[in-house]
PDB file of N, CA and C in Angstrom:
ATOM      1  N   MET A   1     -20.670  -8.300  -5.419  1.00  0.00           N
ATOM      2  CA  MET A   1     -20.436  -7.026  -6.398  1.00  0.00           C
ATOM      3  C   MET A   1     -19.017  -6.922  -6.942  1.00  0.00           C
ATOM      4  N   THR A   2     -18.789  -6.607  -7.933  1.00  0.00           N
ATOM      5  CA  THR A   2     -17.825  -6.405  -8.237  1.00  0.00           C
ATOM      6  C   THR A   2     -16.814  -5.077  -8.150  1.00  0.00           C
ATOM      7  N   TYR A   3     -15.812  -4.987  -8.175  1.00  0.00           N
ATOM      8  CA  TYR A   3     -15.020  -3.611  -8.034  1.00  0.00           C
ATOM      9  C   TYR A   3     -14.926  -3.077  -9.402  1.00  0.00           C
ATOM     10  N   ILE A   4     -14.927  -2.101  -9.803  1.00  0.00           N
ATOM     11  CA  ILE A   4     -14.486  -1.342 -11.150  1.00  0.00           C
ATOM     12  C   ILE A   4     -13.479  -0.392 -10.619  1.00  0.00           C
ATOM     13  N   SER A   5     -12.182  -0.156 -11.309  1.00  0.00           N
ATOM     14  CA  SER A   5     -11.299   0.350 -11.168  1.00  0.00           C
ATOM     15  C   SER A   5     -11.621   1.708 -11.685  1.00  0.00           C
ATOM     16  N   LYS A   6     -11.251   2.812 -11.251  1.00  0.00           N
ATOM     17  CA  LYS A   6     -11.365   4.346 -12.228  1.00  0.00           C
ATOM     18  C   LYS A   6     -10.337   4.158 -12.954  1.00  0.00           C
ATOM     19  N   PHE A   7      -8.956   3.643 -12.773  1.00  0.00           N
ATOM     20  CA  PHE A   7      -7.801   3.631 -13.433  1.00  0.00           C
ATOM     21  C   PHE A   7      -7.178   2.122 -14.009  1.00  0.00           C
ATOM     22  N   LYS A   8      -8.279   1.493 -14.205  1.00  0.00           N
ATOM     23  CA  LYS A   8      -8.142   0.091 -15.517  1.00  0.00           C
ATOM     24  C   LYS A   8      -7.839   0.649 -16.407  1.00  0.00           C
ATOM     25  N   THR A   9      -6.566  -0.198 -17.133  1.00  0.00           N
ATOM     26  CA  THR A   9      -6.178  -0.175 -18.657  1.00  0.00           C
ATOM     27  C   THR A   9      -5.393  -1.491 -18.440  1.00  0.00           C
ATOM     28  N   ALA A  10      -5.306  -1.892 -19.878  1.00  0.00           N
ATOM     29  CA  ALA A  10      -4.715  -2.999 -19.934  1.00  0.00           C
ATOM     30  C   ALA A  10      -3.205  -3.589 -19.457  1.00  0.00           C
ATOM     31  N   GLU A  11      -2.416  -2.113 -19.476  1.00  0.00           N
ATOM     32  CA  GLU A  11      -1.372  -2.466 -19.455  1.00  0.00           C
ATOM     33  C   GLU A  11      -1.498  -2.615 -17.381  1.00  0.00           C
ATOM     34  N   THR A  12      -2.169  -2.083 -16.623  1.00  0.00           N
ATOM     35  CA  THR A  12      -2.179  -2.184 -15.298  1.00  0.00           C
ATOM     36  C   THR A  12      -2.939  -3.348 -15.584  1.00  0.00           C
ATOM     37  N   ASP A  13      -3.829  -3.909 -16.210  1.00  0.00           N
ATOM     38  CA  ASP A  13      -4.008  -5.541 -15.633  1.00  0.00           C
ATOM     39  C   ASP A  13      -3.114  -6.458 -15.890  1.00  0.00           C
ATOM     40  N   LEU A  14      -2.012  -5.987 -17.180  1.00  0.00           N
ATOM     41  CA  LEU A  14      -0.686  -7.103 -17.672  1.00  0.00           C
ATOM     42  C   LEU A  14       0.272  -7.034 -15.972  1.00  0.00           C
ATOM     43  N   PHE A  15       0.358  -5.613 -15.440  1.00  0.00           N
ATOM     44  CA  PHE A  15       1.375  -5.794 -14.599  1.00  0.00           C
ATOM     45  C   PHE A  15       0.629  -6.038 -13.455  1.00  0.00           C
ATOM     46  N   PHE A  16      -0.690  -5.814 -13.134  1.00  0.00           N
ATOM     47  CA  PHE A  16      -0.917  -6.921 -11.708  1.00  0.00           C
ATOM     48  C   PHE A  16      -1.266  -8.349 -11.733  1.00  0.00           C
ATOM     49  N   GLN A  17      -0.933  -9.140 -12.882  1.00  0.00           N
ATOM     50  CA  GLN A  17      -0.948 -10.573 -13.420  1.00  0.00           C
ATOM     51  C   GLN A  17       0.387 -10.823 -13.275  1.00  0.00           C
ATOM     52  N   ALA A  18       0.990  -9.573 -13.235  1.00  0.00           N
ATOM     53  CA  ALA A  18       2.656 -10.091 -13.080  1.00  0.00           C
ATOM     54  C   ALA A  18       3.087 -10.411 -11.548  1.00  0.00           C
ATOM     55  N   ILE A  19       2.010  -9.255 -10.868  1.00  0.00           N
ATOM     56  CA  ILE A  19       2.314  -9.579  -9.499  1.00  0.00           C
ATOM     57  C   ILE A  19       1.427 -10.506  -8.888  1.00  0.00           C
ATOM     58  N   LEU A  20       0.454 -11.113  -9.151  1.00  0.00           N
ATOM     59  CA  LEU A  20      -0.295 -12.185  -8.654  1.00  0.00           C
ATOM     60  C   LEU A  20       0.562 -13.259  -8.846  1.00  0.00           C
ATOM     61  N   SER A  21       1.604 -13.316 -10.313  1.00  0.00           N
ATOM     62  CA  SER A  21       2.404 -14.485 -10.540  1.00  0.00           C
ATOM     63  C   SER A  21       3.453 -14.903  -9.361  1.00  0.00           C
ATOM     64  N   LEU A  22       3.486 -13.900  -8.845  1.00  0.00           N
ATOM     65  CA  LEU A  22       5.266 -14.208  -7.805  1.00  0.00           C
ATOM     66  C   LEU A  22       4.501 -15.061  -6.721  1.00  0.00           C
ATOM     67  N   GLN A  23       5.789 -15.617  -6.361  1.00  0.00           N
ATOM     68  CA  GLN A  23       5.450 -16.950  -5.411  1.00  0.00           C
ATOM     69  C   GLN A  23       5.914 -16.481  -3.992  1.00  0.00           C
ATOM     70  N   ASP A  24       6.683 -15.809  -4.179  1.00  0.00           N
ATOM     71  CA  ASP A  24       7.412 -15.327  -2.465  1.00  0.00           C
ATOM     72  C   ASP A  24       7.894 -14.124  -2.119  1.00  0.00           C
ATOM     73  N   ASP A  25       8.889 -13.827  -1.173  1.00  0.00           N
ATOM     74  CA  ASP A  25       9.122 -12.579  -0.962  1.00  0.00           C
ATOM     75  C   ASP A  25      10.355 -12.283  -1.872  1.00  0.00           C
ATOM     76  N   GLU A  26      11.027 -13.101  -2.221  1.00  0.00           N
ATOM     77  CA  GLU A  26      12.378 -12.888  -3.132  1.00  0.00           C
ATOM     78  C   GLU A  26      12.093 -12.669  -4.397  1.00  0.00           C
ATOM     79  N   GLU A  27      10.968 -13.284  -4.677  1.00  0.00           N
ATOM     80  CA  GLU A  27      10.301 -12.958  -6.076  1.00  0.00           C
ATOM     81  C   GLU A  27       9.808 -11.085  -6.364  1.00  0.00           C
ATOM     82  N   CYS A  28       9.124 -10.968  -5.082  1.00  0.00           N
ATOM     83  CA  CYS A  28       8.459  -9.645  -4.899  1.00  0.00           C
ATOM     84  C   CYS A  28       9.723  -8.857  -4.721  1.00  0.00           C
ATOM     85  N   TYR A  29      10.810  -9.301  -4.536  1.00  0.00           N
ATOM     86  CA  TYR A  29      11.947  -8.258  -4.014  1.00  0.00           C
ATOM     87  C   TYR A  29      12.510  -8.036  -5.878  1.00  0.00           C
ATOM     88  N   ARG A  30      12.416  -8.850  -6.528  1.00  0.00           N
ATOM     89  CA  ARG A  30      13.341  -9.009  -7.718  1.00  0.00           C
ATOM     90  C   ARG A  30      12.587  -8.271  -8.390  1.00  0.00           C
ATOM     91  N   LEU A  31      10.913  -8.169  -8.433  1.00  0.00           N
ATOM     92  CA  LEU A  31      10.379  -7.609  -9.553  1.00  0.00           C
ATOM     93  C   LEU A  31      10.394  -6.202  -9.009  1.00  0.00           C
ATOM     94  N   PHE A  32       9.983  -5.822  -7.706  1.00  0.00           N
ATOM     95  CA  PHE A  32      10.004  -4.211  -7.411  1.00  0.00           C
ATOM     96  C   PHE A  32      11.039  -3.715  -7.536  1.00  0.00           C
ATOM     97  N   GLU A  33      12.267  -4.202  -6.979  1.00  0.00           N
ATOM     98  CA  GLU A  33      13.618  -3.707  -7.185  1.00  0.00           C
ATOM     99  C   GLU A  33      13.833  -3.301  -8.966  1.00  0.00           C
ATOM    100  N   ASP A  34      13.319  -3.785  -9.459  1.00  0.00           N
ATOM    101  CA  ASP A  34      13.263  -3.527 -11.139  1.00  0.00           C
ATOM    102  C   ASP A  34      12.300  -2.290 -11.570  1.00  0.00           C
ATOM    103  N   VAL A  35      11.335  -2.458 -11.000  1.00  0.00           N
ATOM    104  CA  VAL A  35      10.126  -1.654 -11.289  1.00  0.00           C
ATOM    105  C   VAL A  35      10.090  -0.340 -10.797  1.00  0.00           C
ATOM    106  N   CYS A  36      10.941  -0.199  -9.620  1.00  0.00           N
ATOM    107  CA  CYS A  36      10.683   1.207  -8.581  1.00  0.00           C
ATOM    108  C   CYS A  36      11.843   1.468  -8.433  1.00  0.00           C
ATOM    109  N   THR A  37      11.923   2.521  -8.059  1.00  0.00           N
ATOM    110  CA  THR A  37      13.300   3.225  -7.621  1.00  0.00           C
ATOM    111  C   THR A  37      13.188   2.827  -6.088  1.00  0.00           C
ATOM    112  N   ILE A  38      14.279   3.432  -5.237  1.00  0.00           N
ATOM    113  CA  ILE A  38      14.484   2.821  -3.917  1.00  0.00           C
ATOM    114  C   ILE A  38      13.107   3.819  -3.467  1.00  0.00           C
ATOM    115  N   ASN A  39      13.156   5.012  -4.169  1.00  0.00           N
ATOM    116  CA  ASN A  39      12.434   6.121  -2.821  1.00  0.00           C
ATOM    117  C   ASN A  39      10.779   5.609  -3.606  1.00  0.00           C
ATOM    118  N   GLU A  40      10.525   4.927  -4.429  1.00  0.00           N
ATOM    119  CA  GLU A  40       9.365   4.758  -4.726  1.00  0.00           C
ATOM    120  C   GLU A  40       8.339   3.385  -4.010  1.00  0.00           C
ATOM    121  N   LEU A  41       9.809   2.729  -3.575  1.00  0.00           N
ATOM    122  CA  LEU A  41       9.241   1.215  -2.875  1.00  0.00           C
ATOM    123  C   LEU A  41       9.259   1.635  -1.802  1.00  0.00           C
ATOM    124  N   HIS A  42      10.284   2.542  -1.150  1.00  0.00           N
ATOM    125  CA  HIS A  42      10.554   3.151   0.357  1.00  0.00           C
ATOM    126  C   HIS A  42       8.695   3.936   0.993  1.00  0.00           C
ATOM    127  N   ALA A  43       8.285   4.780  -0.272  1.00  0.00           N
ATOM    128  CA  ALA A  43       7.157   5.773  -0.280  1.00  0.00           C
ATOM    129  C   ALA A  43       5.964   4.356   0.096  1.00  0.00           C
ATOM    130  N   ILE A  44       5.756   3.445  -1.057  1.00  0.00           N
ATOM    131  CA  ILE A  44       4.872   2.289  -1.077  1.00  0.00           C
ATOM    132  C   ILE A  44       4.781   1.848   0.312  1.00  0.00           C
ATOM    133  N   SER A  45       5.599   1.151   0.787  1.00  0.00           N
ATOM    134  CA  SER A  45       5.847   0.565   2.145  1.00  0.00           C
ATOM    135  C   SER A  45       5.515   1.137   2.807  1.00  0.00           C
ATOM    136  N   GLN A  46       6.193   2.533   3.215  1.00  0.00           N
ATOM    137  CA  GLN A  46       5.909   3.160   4.141  1.00  0.00           C
ATOM    138  C   GLN A  46       3.957   3.800   4.285  1.00  0.00           C
ATOM    139  N   ARG A  47       3.576   4.072   3.249  1.00  0.00           N
ATOM    140  CA  ARG A  47       2.121   4.254   2.778  1.00  0.00           C
ATOM    141  C   ARG A  47       1.310   2.926   3.543  1.00  0.00           C
ATOM    142  N   PHE A  48       1.769   1.682   3.153  1.00  0.00           N
ATOM    143  CA  PHE A  48       1.108   0.500   3.693  1.00  0.00           C
ATOM    144  C   PHE A  48       0.994   0.622   5.097  1.00  0.00           C
ATOM    145  N   TYR A  49       2.121   0.745   5.954  1.00  0.00           N
ATOM    146  CA  TYR A  49       2.482   0.488   7.078  1.00  0.00           C
ATOM    147  C   TYR A  49       1.803   1.898   7.726  1.00  0.00           C
ATOM    148  N   ILE A  50       2.030   2.763   7.742  1.00  0.00           N
ATOM    149  CA  ILE A  50       0.876   3.960   7.902  1.00  0.00           C
ATOM    150  C   ILE A  50      -0.457   3.241   7.910  1.00  0.00           C
ATOM    151  N   ALA A  51      -1.050   2.712   7.320  1.00  0.00           N
ATOM    152  CA  ALA A  51      -2.251   2.138   6.910  1.00  0.00           C
ATOM    153  C   ALA A  51      -2.724   0.969   7.904  1.00  0.00           C
ATOM    154  N   LYS A  52      -1.765   0.159   8.331  1.00  0.00           N
ATOM    155  CA  LYS A  52      -1.761  -0.745   9.374  1.00  0.00           C
ATOM    156  C   LYS A  52      -1.866  -0.398  10.678  1.00  0.00           C
ATOM    157  N   LEU A  53      -0.878   0.977  10.868  1.00  0.00           N
ATOM    158  CA  LEU A  53      -0.964   1.517  12.187  1.00  0.00           C
ATOM    159  C   LEU A  53      -2.168   2.310  12.459  1.00  0.00           C
ATOM    160  N   LEU A  54      -2.743   2.946  11.470  1.00  0.00           N
ATOM    161  CA  LEU A  54      -4.095   3.581  11.632  1.00  0.00           C
ATOM    162  C   LEU A  54      -5.200   2.455  12.093  1.00  0.00           C
ATOM    163  N   PHE A  55      -4.981   1.390  11.273  1.00  0.00           N
ATOM    164  CA  PHE A  55      -6.267   0.177  11.273  1.00  0.00           C
ATOM    165  C   PHE A  55      -6.352  -0.083  12.953  1.00  0.00           C
ATOM    166  N   GLU A  56      -4.999  -0.051  13.397  1.00  0.00           N
ATOM    167  CA  GLU A  56      -4.508  -0.362  15.200  1.00  0.00           C
ATOM    168  C   GLU A  56      -5.011   0.880  16.037  1.00  0.00           C
ATOM    169  N   GLY A  57      -5.141   2.102  15.512  1.00  0.00           N
ATOM    170  CA  GLY A  57      -5.585   2.913  16.037  1.00  0.00           C
ATOM    171  C   GLY A  57      -4.753   3.805  17.083  1.00  0.00           C
ATOM    172  N   LYS A  58      -3.643   3.303  16.156  1.00  0.00           N
ATOM    173  CA  LYS A  58      -2.260   4.890  16.639  1.00  0.00           C
ATOM    174  C   LYS A  58      -2.835   6.116  16.276  1.00  0.00           C
ATOM    175  N   THR A  59      -2.352   7.364  17.079  1.00  0.00           N
ATOM    176  CA  THR A  59      -2.557   8.573  16.860  1.00  0.00           C
ATOM    177  C   THR A  59      -1.620   9.057  15.596  1.00  0.00           C
ATOM    178  N   TYR A  60      -1.864  10.254  15.395  1.00  0.00           N
ATOM    179  CA  TYR A  60      -1.280  10.683  14.023  1.00  0.00           C
ATOM    180  C   TYR A  60       0.591  11.288  14.779  1.00  0.00           C
ATOM    181  N   GLN A  61       0.402  11.660  15.957  1.00  0.00           N
ATOM    182  CA  GLN A  61       1.722  11.614  16.467  1.00  0.00           C
ATOM    183  C   GLN A  61       2.554  10.294  16.831  1.00  0.00           C
ATOM    184  N   GLU A  62       1.731   9.477  17.119  1.00  0.00           N
ATOM    185  CA  GLU A  62       2.640   8.344  17.104  1.00  0.00           C
ATOM    186  C   GLU A  62       3.037   7.705  15.924  1.00  0.00           C
ATOM    187  N   ILE A  63       2.041   7.875  14.978  1.00  0.00           N
ATOM    188  CA  ILE A  63       2.679   6.913  13.521  1.00  0.00           C
ATOM    189  C   ILE A  63       3.654   8.066  13.200  1.00  0.00           C
ATOM    190  N   GLU A  64       3.724   9.319  13.145  1.00  0.00           N
ATOM    191  CA  GLU A  64       4.679   9.862  12.758  1.00  0.00           C
ATOM    192  C   GLU A  64       6.025  10.208  13.539  1.00  0.00           C
ATOM    193  N   GLU A  65       5.872   9.328  14.853  1.00  0.00           N
ATOM    194  CA  GLU A  65       7.644   8.707  15.745  1.00  0.00           C
ATOM    195  C   GLU A  65       7.725   7.854  15.212  1.00  0.00           C
ATOM    196  N   ILE A  66       6.544   6.904  15.056  1.00  0.00           N
ATOM    197  CA  ILE A  66       7.397   5.365  14.377  1.00  0.00           C
ATOM    198  C   ILE A  66       8.177   5.534  12.777  1.00  0.00           C
ATOM    199  N   THR A  67       7.569   6.006  12.134  1.00  0.00           N
ATOM    200  CA  THR A  67       7.650   6.016  11.001  1.00  0.00           C
ATOM    201  C   THR A  67       8.253   7.499  10.172  1.00  0.00           C
ATOM    202  N   LYS A  68       8.489   8.423  10.651  1.00  0.00           N
ATOM    203  CA  LYS A  68       9.058   9.895  10.348  1.00  0.00           C
ATOM    204  C   LYS A  68       8.344  10.211   9.318  1.00  0.00           C
ATOM    205  N   ALA A  69       7.063   9.916   9.169  1.00  0.00           N
ATOM    206  CA  ALA A  69       6.261  10.675   7.618  1.00  0.00           C
ATOM    207  C   ALA A  69       5.683  11.509   8.151  1.00  0.00           C
ATOM    208  N   SER A  70       5.309  12.487   7.604  1.00  0.00           N
ATOM    209  CA  SER A  70       4.785  13.873   7.498  1.00  0.00           C
ATOM    210  C   SER A  70       2.938  13.657   8.170  1.00  0.00           C
ATOM    211  N   THR A  71       2.697  14.472   8.498  1.00  0.00           N
ATOM    212  CA  THR A  71       1.158  14.466   9.069  1.00  0.00           C
ATOM    213  C   THR A  71       0.393  14.761   7.741  1.00  0.00           C
ATOM    214  N   ALA A  72       1.064  15.243   6.666  1.00  0.00           N
ATOM    215  CA  ALA A  72       0.222  15.024   5.437  1.00  0.00           C
ATOM    216  C   ALA A  72       0.062  13.694   4.758  1.00  0.00           C
ATOM    217  N   THR A  73       1.305  13.344   4.664  1.00  0.00           N
ATOM    218  CA  THR A  73       1.123  11.793   4.201  1.00  0.00           C
ATOM    219  C   THR A  73       0.233  10.714   5.204  1.00  0.00           C
ATOM    220  N   ILE A  74       0.021  11.163   6.338  1.00  0.00           N
ATOM    221  CA  ILE A  74      -0.335  10.100   7.660  1.00  0.00           C
ATOM    222  C   ILE A  74      -1.874  10.739   7.209  1.00  0.00           C
ATOM    223  N   SER A  75      -2.240  11.936   7.170  1.00  0.00           N
ATOM    224  CA  SER A  75      -3.969  12.669   6.376  1.00  0.00           C
ATOM    225  C   SER A  75      -4.243  11.512   5.247  1.00  0.00           C
ATOM    226  N   ARG A  76      -3.625  11.987   4.013  1.00  0.00           N
ATOM    227  CA  ARG A  76      -3.914  11.541   2.681  1.00  0.00           C
ATOM    228  C   ARG A  76      -3.920   9.745   3.336  1.00  0.00           C
ATOM    229  N   ILE A  77      -3.095   9.124   3.881  1.00  0.00           N
ATOM    230  CA  ILE A  77      -3.794   7.583   3.881  1.00  0.00           C
ATOM    231  C   ILE A  77      -4.796   7.090   5.154  1.00  0.00           C
ATOM    232  N   ASN A  78      -4.999   8.309   5.692  1.00  0.00           N
ATOM    233  CA  ASN A  78      -5.999   7.823   6.653  1.00  0.00           C
ATOM    234  C   ASN A  78      -7.734   8.055   5.540  1.00  0.00           C
ATOM    235  N   LYS A  79      -7.340   9.358   5.005  1.00  0.00           N
ATOM    236  CA  LYS A  79      -8.201   9.476   3.766  1.00  0.00           C
ATOM    237  C   LYS A  79      -8.655   8.230   2.830  1.00  0.00           C
ATOM    238  N   CYS A  80      -7.718   7.559   2.634  1.00  0.00           N
ATOM    239  CA  CYS A  80      -7.843   6.273   1.494  1.00  0.00           C
ATOM    240  C   CYS A  80      -8.540   5.258   2.621  1.00  0.00           C
ATOM    241  N   CYS A  81      -7.835   4.941   3.873  1.00  0.00           N
ATOM    242  CA  CYS A  81      -8.380   3.772   4.912  1.00  0.00           C
ATOM    243  C   CYS A  81      -9.703   4.221   4.855  1.00  0.00           C
ATOM    244  N   ARG A  82      -9.938   5.574   5.080  1.00  0.00           N
ATOM    245  CA  ARG A  82     -11.654   6.009   5.243  1.00  0.00           C
ATOM    246  C   ARG A  82     -12.724   6.413   3.866  1.00  0.00           C
ATOM    247  N   TYR A  83     -12.297   6.569   2.712  1.00  0.00           N
ATOM    248  CA  TYR A  83     -13.184   6.940   1.989  1.00  0.00           C
ATOM    249  C   TYR A  83     -12.442   5.873   0.292  1.00  0.00           C
ATOM    250  N   GLY A  84     -11.605   5.407   0.433  1.00  0.00           N
ATOM    251  CA  GLY A  84     -11.110   4.847  -0.221  1.00  0.00           C
ATOM    252  C   GLY A  84     -11.945   3.550  -0.984  1.00  0.00           C
ATOM    253  N   ALA A  85     -10.879   2.894  -1.908  1.00  0.00           N
ATOM    254  CA  ALA A  85     -11.426   1.514  -2.221  1.00  0.00           C
ATOM    255  C   ALA A  85     -11.405   0.030  -1.389  1.00  0.00           C
ATOM    256  N   ASP A  86     -10.903   0.658  -0.176  1.00  0.00           N
ATOM    257  CA  ASP A  86     -11.151  -0.633   0.996  1.00  0.00           C
ATOM    258  C   ASP A  86      -9.836  -1.438   0.268  1.00  0.00           C
ATOM    259  N   GLY A  87      -8.690  -1.029  -0.465  1.00  0.00           N
ATOM    260  CA  GLY A  87      -7.419  -2.118  -0.615  1.00  0.00           C
ATOM    261  C   GLY A  87      -6.883  -2.078   0.490  1.00  0.00           C
ATOM    262  N   TYR A  88      -6.475  -1.349   1.523  1.00  0.00           N
ATOM    263  CA  TYR A  88      -5.956  -1.283   2.608  1.00  0.00           C
ATOM    264  C   TYR A  88      -6.307  -2.224   3.569  1.00  0.00           C
ATOM    265  N   ARG A  89      -7.615  -1.984   3.508  1.00  0.00           N
ATOM    266  CA  ARG A  89      -8.393  -2.817   5.182  1.00  0.00           C
ATOM    267  C   ARG A  89      -8.331  -4.189   4.280  1.00  0.00           C
ATOM    268  N   LEU A  90      -8.499  -4.761   3.185  1.00  0.00           N
ATOM    269  CA  LEU A  90      -8.380  -6.290   2.557  1.00  0.00           C
ATOM    270  C   LEU A  90      -7.171  -6.253   2.702  1.00  0.00           C
ATOM    271  N   THR A  91      -6.194  -5.968   2.530  1.00  0.00           N
ATOM    272  CA  THR A  91      -4.824  -6.353   2.593  1.00  0.00           C
ATOM    273  C   THR A  91      -4.330  -6.646   3.833  1.00  0.00           C
ATOM    274  N   VAL A  92      -4.748  -5.445   4.829  1.00  0.00           N
ATOM    275  CA  VAL A  92      -4.090  -5.724   5.927  1.00  0.00           C
ATOM    276  C   VAL A  92      -4.946  -6.882   7.217  1.00  0.00           C
ATOM    277  N   ASP A  93      -6.231  -7.085   6.612  1.00  0.00           N
ATOM    278  CA  ASP A  93      -6.780  -7.952   7.256  1.00  0.00           C
ATOM    279  C   ASP A  93      -6.422  -8.993   7.086  1.00  0.00           C
ATOM    280  N   ARG A  94      -5.679  -9.603   5.989  1.00  0.00           N
ATOM    281  CA  ARG A  94      -5.557 -10.678   5.521  1.00  0.00           C
ATOM    282  C   ARG A  94      -4.202 -11.084   6.119  1.00  0.00           C
ATOM    283  N   LEU A  95      -3.349 -10.029   6.368  1.00  0.00           N
ATOM    284  CA  LEU A  95      -2.168 -10.660   7.144  1.00  0.00           C
ATOM    285  C   LEU A  95      -2.112 -10.629   8.456  1.00  0.00           C
ATOM    286  N   LYS A  96      -3.345 -10.625   9.197  1.00  0.00           N
ATOM    287  CA  LYS A  96      -3.537 -10.843  10.517  1.00  0.00           C
ATOM    288  C   LYS A  96      -3.697 -12.418  10.987  1.00  0.00           C
TER     289      LYS A  96
END
């Protein structure tokens, strides 16, 4: 079964193809430092880390202490992990 995103556009496809063309961490840093503000990159990275901690079974309180994220942010990520498109699960599992 092929996944069809609700957010699919030609611009998004082009951006994702650019991401898929990156070959190492340095190239990722170069692109994302140009594309994102420092706060955007921090927020994206924090969300992914929160998802990883949720999949490890950490509690909201533990995650809040580790990441300094609000419980509202943790709750939002938890909702995505449970009911979203499985992107967090897919990528966290691949990093194991």
